[in-house]
Amino acid sequence: LTGWPSIIAVIINYVKRPDARGTWLDTHFGWQIRTFWYTLLWVV
């Protein structure tokens, strides 16, 4: 949640996800984003 590699990864996810819309790869970007946010929710 706080390490710079994961923070950079989430930023990349949000920046590049629109490019993946309409492809099977969009599901991976969503998977990665949900993993981060659900982890944060459970930590809270």
All heavy atoms as atom14 arrays in JSON, in Angstrom:
{
  "sequence": "LTGWPSIIAVIINYVKRPDARGTWLDTHFGWQIRTFWYTLLWVV",
  "atom14_mask": [
    [1, 1, 1, 1, 1, 1, 1, 1, 0, 0, 0, 0, 0, 0],
    [1, 1, 1, 1, 1, 1, 1, 0, 0, 0, 0, 0, 0, 0],
    [1, 1, 1, 1, 0, 0, 0, 0, 0, 0, 0, 0, 0, 0],
    [1, 1, 1, 1, 1, 1, 1, 1, 1, 1, 1, 1, 1, 1],
    [1, 1, 1, 1, 1, 1, 1, 0, 0, 0, 0, 0, 0, 0],
    [1, 1, 1, 1, 1, 1, 0, 0, 0, 0, 0, 0, 0, 0],
    [1, 1, 1, 1, 1, 1, 1, 1, 0, 0, 0, 0, 0, 0],
    [1, 1, 1, 1, 1, 1, 1, 1, 0, 0, 0, 0, 0, 0],
    [1, 1, 1, 1, 1, 0, 0, 0, 0, 0, 0, 0, 0, 0],
    [1, 1, 1, 1, 1, 1, 1, 0, 0, 0, 0, 0, 0, 0],
    [1, 1, 1, 1, 1, 1, 1, 1, 0, 0, 0, 0, 0, 0],
    [1, 1, 1, 1, 1, 1, 1, 1, 0, 0, 0, 0, 0, 0],
    [1, 1, 1, 1, 1, 1, 1, 1, 0, 0, 0, 0, 0, 0],
    [1, 1, 1, 1, 1, 1, 1, 1, 1, 1, 1, 1, 0, 0],
    [1, 1, 1, 1, 1, 1, 1, 0, 0, 0, 0, 0, 0, 0],
    [1, 1, 1, 1, 1, 1, 1, 1, 1, 0, 0, 0, 0, 0],
    [1, 1, 1, 1, 1, 1, 1, 1, 1, 1, 1, 0, 0, 0],
    [1, 1, 1, 1, 1, 1, 1, 0, 0, 0, 0, 0, 0, 0],
    [1, 1, 1, 1, 1, 1, 1, 1, 0, 0, 0, 0, 0, 0],
    [1, 1, 1, 1, 1, 0, 0, 0, 0, 0, 0, 0, 0, 0],
    [1, 1, 1, 1, 1, 1, 1, 1, 1, 1, 1, 0, 0, 0],
    [1, 1, 1, 1, 0, 0, 0, 0, 0, 0, 0, 0, 0, 0],
    [1, 1, 1, 1, 1, 1, 1, 0, 0, 0, 0, 0, 0, 0],
    [1, 1, 1, 1, 1, 1, 1, 1, 1, 1, 1, 1, 1, 1],
    [1, 1, 1, 1, 1, 1, 1, 1, 0, 0, 0, 0, 0, 0],
    [1, 1, 1, 1, 1, 1, 1, 1, 0, 0, 0, 0, 0, 0],
    [1, 1, 1, 1, 1, 1, 1, 0, 0, 0, 0, 0, 0, 0],
    [1, 1, 1, 1, 1, 1, 1, 1, 1, 1, 0, 0, 0, 0],
    [1, 1, 1, 1, 1, 1, 1, 1, 1, 1, 1, 0, 0, 0],
    [1, 1, 1, 1, 0, 0, 0, 0, 0, 0, 0, 0, 0, 0],
    [1, 1, 1, 1, 1, 1, 1, 1, 1, 1, 1, 1, 1, 1],
    [1, 1, 1, 1, 1, 1, 1, 1, 1, 0, 0, 0, 0, 0],
    [1, 1, 1, 1, 1, 1, 1, 1, 0, 0, 0, 0, 0, 0],
    [1, 1, 1, 1, 1, 1, 1, 1, 1, 1, 1, 0, 0, 0],
    [1, 1, 1, 1, 1, 1, 1, 0, 0, 0, 0, 0, 0, 0],
    [1, 1, 1, 1, 1, 1, 1, 1, 1, 1, 1, 0, 0, 0],
    [1, 1, 1, 1, 1, 1, 1, 1, 1, 1, 1, 1, 1, 1],
    [1, 1, 1, 1, 1, 1, 1, 1, 1, 1, 1, 1, 0, 0],
    [1, 1, 1, 1, 1, 1, 1, 0, 0, 0, 0, 0, 0, 0],
    [1, 1, 1, 1, 1, 1, 1, 1, 0, 0, 0, 0, 0, 0],
    [1, 1, 1, 1, 1, 1, 1, 1, 0, 0, 0, 0, 0, 0],
    [1, 1, 1, 1, 1, 1, 1, 1, 1, 1, 1, 1, 1, 1],
    [1, 1, 1, 1, 1, 1, 1, 0, 0, 0, 0, 0, 0, 0],
    [1, 1, 1, 1, 1, 1, 1, 0, 0, 0, 0, 0, 0, 0]
  ],
  "atom14_positions": [
    [[0.8, -1.23, 0.0], [0.0, 0.0, 0.0], [0.83, 1.28, 0.0], [0.4, 2.3, -0.51], [-0.95, 0.01, 1.2], [-2.09, -0.99, 1.14], [-2.88, -0.95, 2.44], [-3.0, -0.73, -0.04], [0.0, 0.0, 0.0], [0.0, 0.0, 0.0], [0.0, 0.0, 0.0], [0.0, 0.0, 0.0], [0.0, 0.0, 0.0], [0.0, 0.0, 0.0]],
    [[2.01, 1.24, 0.59], [2.78, 2.48, 0.74], [4.12, 2.46, 0.01], [4.76, 3.5, -0.08], [3.04, 2.78, 2.22], [3.83, 1.73, 2.78], [1.75, 2.92, 3.0], [0.0, 0.0, 0.0], [0.0, 0.0, 0.0], [0.0, 0.0, 0.0], [0.0, 0.0, 0.0], [0.0, 0.0, 0.0], [0.0, 0.0, 0.0], [0.0, 0.0, 0.0]],
    [[4.53, 1.33, -0.49], [5.81, 1.27, -1.21], [5.71, 1.97, -2.55], [4.69, 1.88, -3.24], [0.0, 0.0, 0.0], [0.0, 0.0, 0.0], [0.0, 0.0, 0.0], [0.0, 0.0, 0.0], [0.0, 0.0, 0.0], [0.0, 0.0, 0.0], [0.0, 0.0, 0.0], [0.0, 0.0, 0.0], [0.0, 0.0, 0.0], [0.0, 0.0, 0.0]],
    [[6.78, 2.65, -2.93], [6.74, 3.41, -4.17], [6.5, 2.54, -5.4], [5.85, 3.0, -6.34], [7.98, 4.3, -4.33], [9.27, 3.57, -4.46], [10.14, 3.25, -3.47], [9.84, 3.08, -5.67], [11.21, 2.57, -3.99], [11.06, 2.45, -5.34], [9.45, 3.08, -7.0], [11.88, 1.84, -6.28], [10.26, 2.47, -7.94], [11.47, 1.86, -7.58]],
    [[6.96, 1.26, -5.47], [6.64, 0.48, -6.67], [5.13, 0.29, -6.86], [4.62, 0.42, -7.99], [7.33, -0.87, -6.43], [8.44, -0.55, -5.49], [7.9, 0.53, -4.6], [0.0, 0.0, 0.0], [0.0, 0.0, 0.0], [0.0, 0.0, 0.0], [0.0, 0.0, 0.0], [0.0, 0.0, 0.0], [0.0, 0.0, 0.0], [0.0, 0.0, 0.0]],
    [[4.4, 0.02, -5.79], [2.96, -0.16, -5.92], [2.23, 1.15, -6.21], [1.26, 1.17, -6.96], [2.37, -0.8, -4.67], [2.59, -2.19, -4.7], [0.0, 0.0, 0.0], [0.0, 0.0, 0.0], [0.0, 0.0, 0.0], [0.0, 0.0, 0.0], [0.0, 0.0, 0.0], [0.0, 0.0, 0.0], [0.0, 0.0, 0.0], [0.0, 0.0, 0.0]],
    [[2.7, 2.23, -5.63], [2.09, 3.53, -5.9], [2.27, 3.88, -7.38], [1.32, 4.31, -8.06], [2.7, 4.64, -5.01], [2.5, 4.33, -3.53], [2.15, 6.01, -5.38], [1.06, 4.27, -3.08], [0.0, 0.0, 0.0], [0.0, 0.0, 0.0], [0.0, 0.0, 0.0], [0.0, 0.0, 0.0], [0.0, 0.0, 0.0], [0.0, 0.0, 0.0]],
    [[3.47, 3.66, -7.9], [3.72, 3.9, -9.33], [2.85, 2.98, -10.18], [2.29, 3.41, -11.19], [5.23, 3.71, -9.65], [6.04, 4.83, -9.0], [5.47, 3.67, -11.15], [7.54, 4.62, -9.08], [0.0, 0.0, 0.0], [0.0, 0.0, 0.0], [0.0, 0.0, 0.0], [0.0, 0.0, 0.0], [0.0, 0.0, 0.0], [0.0, 0.0, 0.0]],
    [[2.7, 1.73, -9.76], [1.89, 0.76, -10.5], [0.43, 1.21, -10.59], [-0.19, 1.14, -11.66], [1.99, -0.62, -9.85], [0.0, 0.0, 0.0], [0.0, 0.0, 0.0], [0.0, 0.0, 0.0], [0.0, 0.0, 0.0], [0.0, 0.0, 0.0], [0.0, 0.0, 0.0], [0.0, 0.0, 0.0], [0.0, 0.0, 0.0], [0.0, 0.0, 0.0]],
    [[-0.11, 1.7, -9.5], [-1.51, 2.15, -9.52], [-1.67, 3.39, -10.41], [-2.64, 3.5, -11.16], [-2.02, 2.42, -8.08], [-3.37, 3.1, -8.09], [-2.09, 1.13, -7.3], [0.0, 0.0, 0.0], [0.0, 0.0, 0.0], [0.0, 0.0, 0.0], [0.0, 0.0, 0.0], [0.0, 0.0, 0.0], [0.0, 0.0, 0.0], [0.0, 0.0, 0.0]],
    [[-0.71, 4.28, -10.36], [-0.77, 5.46, -11.24], [-0.72, 5.02, -12.71], [-1.51, 5.51, -13.54], [0.38, 6.44, -10.9], [0.15, 7.06, -9.53], [0.5, 7.53, -11.98], [1.34, 7.82, -8.97], [0.0, 0.0, 0.0], [0.0, 0.0, 0.0], [0.0, 0.0, 0.0], [0.0, 0.0, 0.0], [0.0, 0.0, 0.0], [0.0, 0.0, 0.0]],
    [[0.19, 4.1, -13.03], [0.25, 3.58, -14.4], [-1.08, 2.94, -14.79], [-1.56, 3.12, -15.92], [1.41, 2.57, -14.55], [2.76, 3.29, -14.43], [1.33, 1.82, -15.88], [3.96, 2.36, -14.35], [0.0, 0.0, 0.0], [0.0, 0.0, 0.0], [0.0, 0.0, 0.0], [0.0, 0.0, 0.0], [0.0, 0.0, 0.0], [0.0, 0.0, 0.0]],
    [[-1.68, 2.18, -13.87], [-2.98, 1.56, -14.14], [-4.01, 2.59, -14.57], [-4.72, 2.4, -15.56], [-3.51, 0.84, -12.9], [-3.07, -0.59, -12.83], [-2.97, -1.27, -13.83], [-2.78, -1.06, -11.64], [0.0, 0.0, 0.0], [0.0, 0.0, 0.0], [0.0, 0.0, 0.0], [0.0, 0.0, 0.0], [0.0, 0.0, 0.0], [0.0, 0.0, 0.0]],
    [[-4.13, 3.65, -13.81], [-5.14, 4.67, -14.12], [-4.82, 5.43, -15.4], [-5.72, 5.8, -16.15], [-5.3, 5.64, -12.95], [-6.2, 5.1, -11.87], [-5.69, 4.7, -10.64], [-7.57, 4.97, -12.08], [-6.52, 4.19, -9.65], [-8.4, 4.46, -11.1], [-7.88, 4.07, -9.88], [-8.71, 3.56, -8.92], [0.0, 0.0, 0.0], [0.0, 0.0, 0.0]],
    [[-3.55, 5.64, -15.68], [-3.16, 6.37, -16.9], [-3.38, 5.51, -18.15], [-3.87, 6.0, -19.17], [-1.69, 6.85, -16.8], [-1.19, 7.37, -18.13], [-1.55, 7.91, -15.73], [0.0, 0.0, 0.0], [0.0, 0.0, 0.0], [0.0, 0.0, 0.0], [0.0, 0.0, 0.0], [0.0, 0.0, 0.0], [0.0, 0.0, 0.0], [0.0, 0.0, 0.0]],
    [[-3.04, 4.24, -18.08], [-3.08, 3.37, -19.26], [-4.38, 2.59, -19.44], [-4.62, 2.04, -20.51], [-1.91, 2.37, -19.2], [-0.57, 3.01, -19.44], [-0.56, 3.64, -20.81], [0.82, 3.92, -21.31], [0.79, 4.46, -22.67], [0.0, 0.0, 0.0], [0.0, 0.0, 0.0], [0.0, 0.0, 0.0], [0.0, 0.0, 0.0], [0.0, 0.0, 0.0]],
    [[-5.23, 2.55, -18.43], [-6.46, 1.76, -18.55], [-7.35, 2.21, -19.69], [-7.91, 1.37, -20.39], [-7.23, 1.77, -17.24], [-8.39, 0.79, -17.28], [-9.09, 0.66, -15.97], [-10.04, -0.45, -16.05], [-10.93, -0.7, -15.13], [-10.98, 0.04, -14.05], [-11.76, -1.71, -15.27], [0.0, 0.0, 0.0], [0.0, 0.0, 0.0], [0.0, 0.0, 0.0]],
    [[-7.5, 3.51, -19.96], [-8.33, 3.9, -21.11], [-7.83, 3.31, -22.44], [-8.63, 3.01, -23.32], [-8.24, 5.42, -21.12], [-7.94, 5.8, -19.71], [-7.07, 4.69, -19.19], [0.0, 0.0, 0.0], [0.0, 0.0, 0.0], [0.0, 0.0, 0.0], [0.0, 0.0, 0.0], [0.0, 0.0, 0.0], [0.0, 0.0, 0.0], [0.0, 0.0, 0.0]],
    [[-6.53, 3.12, -22.57], [-5.98, 2.53, -23.8], [-6.36, 1.06, -23.93], [-6.36, 0.52, -25.04], [-4.44, 2.64, -23.81], [-3.96, 4.07, -23.82], [-4.76, 4.97, -24.18], [-2.79, 4.31, -23.46], [0.0, 0.0, 0.0], [0.0, 0.0, 0.0], [0.0, 0.0, 0.0], [0.0, 0.0, 0.0], [0.0, 0.0, 0.0], [0.0, 0.0, 0.0]],
    [[-6.67, 0.41, -22.83], [-7.0, -1.02, -22.84], [-8.5, -1.28, -22.99], [-8.91, -2.43, -23.13], [-6.49, -1.67, -21.57], [0.0, 0.0, 0.0], [0.0, 0.0, 0.0], [0.0, 0.0, 0.0], [0.0, 0.0, 0.0], [0.0, 0.0, 0.0], [0.0, 0.0, 0.0], [0.0, 0.0, 0.0], [0.0, 0.0, 0.0], [0.0, 0.0, 0.0]],
    [[-9.31, -0.24, -22.95], [-10.76, -0.43, -23.06], [-11.11, -1.2, -24.33], [-10.54, -0.98, -25.39], [-11.48, 0.92, -23.09], [-11.37, 1.69, -21.82], [-12.45, 1.28, -20.84], [-12.39, 2.17, -19.69], [-12.43, 1.76, -18.46], [-12.58, 0.49, -18.2], [-12.36, 2.61, -17.47], [0.0, 0.0, 0.0], [0.0, 0.0, 0.0], [0.0, 0.0, 0.0]],
    [[-12.04, -2.13, -24.2], [-12.48, -2.93, -25.33], [-11.6, -4.13, -25.63], [-11.83, -4.83, -26.59], [0.0, 0.0, 0.0], [0.0, 0.0, 0.0], [0.0, 0.0, 0.0], [0.0, 0.0, 0.0], [0.0, 0.0, 0.0], [0.0, 0.0, 0.0], [0.0, 0.0, 0.0], [0.0, 0.0, 0.0], [0.0, 0.0, 0.0], [0.0, 0.0, 0.0]],
    [[-10.57, -4.36, -24.81], [-9.71, -5.52, -24.99], [-9.76, -6.39, -23.73], [-10.21, -5.95, -22.68], [-8.24, -5.09, -25.23], [-7.69, -4.54, -24.04], [-8.13, -4.08, -26.37], [0.0, 0.0, 0.0], [0.0, 0.0, 0.0], [0.0, 0.0, 0.0], [0.0, 0.0, 0.0], [0.0, 0.0, 0.0], [0.0, 0.0, 0.0], [0.0, 0.0, 0.0]],
    [[-9.25, -7.6, -23.85], [-9.2, -8.48, -22.69], [-8.23, -7.94, -21.63], [-8.33, -8.27, -20.46], [-8.79, -9.91, -23.09], [-7.46, -10.01, -23.77], [-7.23, -9.96, -25.12], [-6.18, -10.13, -23.16], [-5.88, -10.05, -25.37], [-5.21, -10.16, -24.18], [-5.75, -10.22, -21.84], [-3.85, -10.27, -23.94], [-4.39, -10.33, -21.59], [-3.45, -10.36, -22.63]],
    [[-7.33, -7.09, -22.04], [-6.36, -6.53, -21.11], [-6.99, -5.58, -20.1], [-6.47, -5.4, -19.0], [-5.26, -5.81, -21.9], [-3.97, -5.49, -21.18], [-3.35, -6.73, -20.55], [-2.99, -4.83, -22.14], [0.0, 0.0, 0.0], [0.0, 0.0, 0.0], [0.0, 0.0, 0.0], [0.0, 0.0, 0.0], [0.0, 0.0, 0.0], [0.0, 0.0, 0.0]],
    [[-8.12, -5.0, -20.45], [-8.83, -4.11, -19.52], [-9.17, -4.83, -18.23], [-9.14, -4.23, -17.15], [-10.09, -3.57, -20.19], [-10.82, -2.54, -19.34], [-10.15, -1.77, -18.62], [-12.05, -2.5, -19.4], [0.0, 0.0, 0.0], [0.0, 0.0, 0.0], [0.0, 0.0, 0.0], [0.0, 0.0, 0.0], [0.0, 0.0, 0.0], [0.0, 0.0, 0.0]],
    [[-9.44, -6.13, -18.32], [-9.77, -6.88, -17.1], [-8.56, -6.96, -16.16], [-8.73, -6.99, -14.95], [-10.25, -8.31, -17.43], [-9.21, -9.03, -18.1], [-11.5, -8.27, -18.3], [0.0, 0.0, 0.0], [0.0, 0.0, 0.0], [0.0, 0.0, 0.0], [0.0, 0.0, 0.0], [0.0, 0.0, 0.0], [0.0, 0.0, 0.0], [0.0, 0.0, 0.0]],
    [[-7.36, -6.97, -16.71], [-6.16, -7.0, -15.87], [-5.95, -5.67, -15.17], [-5.59, -5.63, -13.99], [-4.92, -7.37, -16.69], [-4.86, -8.81, -17.01], [-4.32, -9.74, -16.16], [-5.3, -9.5, -18.1], [-4.42, -10.95, -16.7], [-5.01, -10.83, -17.87], [0.0, 0.0, 0.0], [0.0, 0.0, 0.0], [0.0, 0.0, 0.0], [0.0, 0.0, 0.0]],
    [[-6.17, -4.58, -15.87], [-6.03, -3.27, -15.24], [-7.05, -3.11, -14.12], [-6.72, -2.62, -13.05], [-6.17, -2.15, -16.28], [-4.94, -1.97, -17.12], [-4.82, -2.57, -18.35], [-3.88, -1.2, -16.66], [-3.69, -2.41, -19.13], [-2.74, -1.04, -17.43], [-2.64, -1.65, -18.67], [0.0, 0.0, 0.0], [0.0, 0.0, 0.0], [0.0, 0.0, 0.0]],
    [[-8.27, -3.56, -14.35], [-9.29, -3.53, -13.3], [-8.92, -4.42, -12.13], [-9.11, -4.05, -10.97], [0.0, 0.0, 0.0], [0.0, 0.0, 0.0], [0.0, 0.0, 0.0], [0.0, 0.0, 0.0], [0.0, 0.0, 0.0], [0.0, 0.0, 0.0], [0.0, 0.0, 0.0], [0.0, 0.0, 0.0], [0.0, 0.0, 0.0], [0.0, 0.0, 0.0]],
    [[-8.4, -5.6, -12.41], [-7.96, -6.55, -11.38], [-6.89, -5.93, -10.49], [-6.95, -6.02, -9.27], [-7.44, -7.8, -12.09], [-6.89, -8.9, -11.25], [-5.59, -9.1, -10.89], [-7.62, -10.0, -10.69], [-5.46, -10.25, -10.16], [-6.69, -10.83, -10.03], [-8.95, -10.39, -10.7], [-7.06, -12.01, -9.37], [-9.31, -11.55, -10.05], [-8.38, -12.35, -9.39]],
    [[-5.93, -5.28, -11.11], [-4.83, -4.66, -10.36], [-5.33, -3.49, -9.51], [-4.93, -3.34, -8.35], [-3.74, -4.19, -11.33], [-3.06, -5.33, -12.05], [-2.32, -4.87, -13.29], [-2.55, -3.81, -13.84], [-1.39, -5.71, -13.75], [0.0, 0.0, 0.0], [0.0, 0.0, 0.0], [0.0, 0.0, 0.0], [0.0, 0.0, 0.0], [0.0, 0.0, 0.0]],
    [[-6.19, -2.67, -10.08], [-6.73, -1.52, -9.35], [-7.58, -2.0, -8.16], [-7.45, -1.49, -7.05], [-7.54, -0.61, -10.28], [-6.59, 0.11, -11.26], [-8.38, 0.39, -9.5], [-7.3, 0.81, -12.41], [0.0, 0.0, 0.0], [0.0, 0.0, 0.0], [0.0, 0.0, 0.0], [0.0, 0.0, 0.0], [0.0, 0.0, 0.0], [0.0, 0.0, 0.0]],
    [[-8.44, -2.97, -8.41], [-9.29, -3.49, -7.32], [-8.46, -4.13, -6.22], [-8.78, -3.99, -5.04], [-10.32, -4.49, -7.86], [-11.48, -3.85, -8.55], [-12.59, -4.85, -8.86], [-12.14, -6.06, -9.52], [-11.97, -6.19, -10.83], [-12.2, -5.16, -11.62], [-11.57, -7.33, -11.35], [0.0, 0.0, 0.0], [0.0, 0.0, 0.0], [0.0, 0.0, 0.0]],
    [[-7.39, -4.82, -6.6], [-6.52, -5.42, -5.58], [-5.99, -4.35, -4.64], [-6.02, -4.51, -3.42], [-5.36, -6.19, -6.25], [-5.89, -7.21, -7.08], [-4.44, -6.8, -5.2], [0.0, 0.0, 0.0], [0.0, 0.0, 0.0], [0.0, 0.0, 0.0], [0.0, 0.0, 0.0], [0.0, 0.0, 0.0], [0.0, 0.0, 0.0], [0.0, 0.0, 0.0]],
    [[-5.52, -3.25, -5.19], [-4.98, -2.17, -4.37], [-6.03, -1.57, -3.45], [-5.83, -1.45, -2.25], [-4.38, -1.08, -5.27], [-3.75, 0.04, -4.49], [-2.46, -0.07, -4.02], [-4.46, 1.2, -4.22], [-1.87, 0.96, -3.29], [-3.89, 2.24, -3.5], [-2.59, 2.11, -3.03], [0.0, 0.0, 0.0], [0.0, 0.0, 0.0], [0.0, 0.0, 0.0]],
    [[-7.19, -1.21, -4.01], [-8.21, -0.5, -3.22], [-8.89, -1.41, -2.19], [-9.2, -0.97, -1.09], [-9.23, 0.19, -4.1], [-8.61, 1.36, -4.81], [-8.38, 1.5, -6.14], [-8.09, 2.56, -4.2], [-7.75, 2.69, -6.41], [-7.57, 3.37, -5.23], [-8.01, 3.02, -2.89], [-6.98, 4.6, -4.99], [-7.43, 4.26, -2.66], [-6.93, 5.03, -3.69]],
    [[-9.13, -2.68, -2.54], [-9.71, -3.59, -1.54], [-8.72, -3.88, -0.42], [-9.1, -4.04, 0.73], [-10.19, -4.9, -2.18], [-11.52, -4.77, -2.86], [-11.68, -5.08, -4.22], [-12.64, -4.32, -2.18], [-12.89, -4.95, -4.85], [-13.86, -4.18, -2.8], [-13.99, -4.5, -4.13], [-15.2, -4.38, -4.76], [0.0, 0.0, 0.0], [0.0, 0.0, 0.0]],
    [[-7.44, -3.94, -0.75], [-6.43, -4.11, 0.3], [-6.46, -2.92, 1.24], [-6.44, -3.08, 2.47], [-5.03, -4.27, -0.33], [-5.04, -5.41, -1.19], [-3.96, -4.43, 0.74], [0.0, 0.0, 0.0], [0.0, 0.0, 0.0], [0.0, 0.0, 0.0], [0.0, 0.0, 0.0], [0.0, 0.0, 0.0], [0.0, 0.0, 0.0], [0.0, 0.0, 0.0]],
    [[-6.52, -1.72, 0.69], [-6.6, -0.52, 1.53], [-7.85, -0.55, 2.41], [-7.77, -0.25, 3.61], [-6.59, 0.74, 0.66], [-6.67, 2.06, 1.43], [-5.47, 2.24, 2.35], [-6.78, 3.22, 0.44], [0.0, 0.0, 0.0], [0.0, 0.0, 0.0], [0.0, 0.0, 0.0], [0.0, 0.0, 0.0], [0.0, 0.0, 0.0], [0.0, 0.0, 0.0]],
    [[-8.98, -0.93, 1.84], [-10.22, -1.0, 2.62], [-10.07, -1.96, 3.8], [-10.42, -1.62, 4.93], [-11.38, -1.45, 1.72], [-12.69, -1.76, 2.44], [-13.31, -0.5, 3.02], [-13.65, -2.48, 1.5], [0.0, 0.0, 0.0], [0.0, 0.0, 0.0], [0.0, 0.0, 0.0], [0.0, 0.0, 0.0], [0.0, 0.0, 0.0], [0.0, 0.0, 0.0]],
    [[-9.54, -3.15, 3.57], [-9.4, -4.13, 4.65], [-8.37, -3.72, 5.68], [-8.51, -4.03, 6.87], [-9.12, -5.52, 4.07], [-10.39, -6.14, 3.59], [-10.79, -6.28, 2.3], [-11.44, -6.65, 4.4], [-12.03, -6.86, 2.26], [-12.46, -7.09, 3.54], [-11.64, -6.77, 5.77], [-13.65, -7.66, 4.01], [-12.82, -7.33, 6.24], [-13.8, -7.76, 5.36]],
    [[-7.35, -3.0, 5.25], [-6.37, -2.5, 6.22], [-7.02, -1.45, 7.12], [-6.79, -1.44, 8.33], [-5.12, -1.94, 5.5], [-4.26, -1.12, 6.43], [-4.32, -3.09, 4.91], [0.0, 0.0, 0.0], [0.0, 0.0, 0.0], [0.0, 0.0, 0.0], [0.0, 0.0, 0.0], [0.0, 0.0, 0.0], [0.0, 0.0, 0.0], [0.0, 0.0, 0.0]],
    [[-7.84, -0.58, 6.55], [-8.55, 0.42, 7.36], [-9.45, -0.29, 8.38], [-9.48, 0.08, 9.56], [-9.35, 1.4, 6.48], [-10.31, 2.23, 7.3], [-8.39, 2.28, 5.68], [0.0, 0.0, 0.0], [0.0, 0.0, 0.0], [0.0, 0.0, 0.0], [0.0, 0.0, 0.0], [0.0, 0.0, 0.0], [0.0, 0.0, 0.0], [0.0, 0.0, 0.0]]
  ]
}
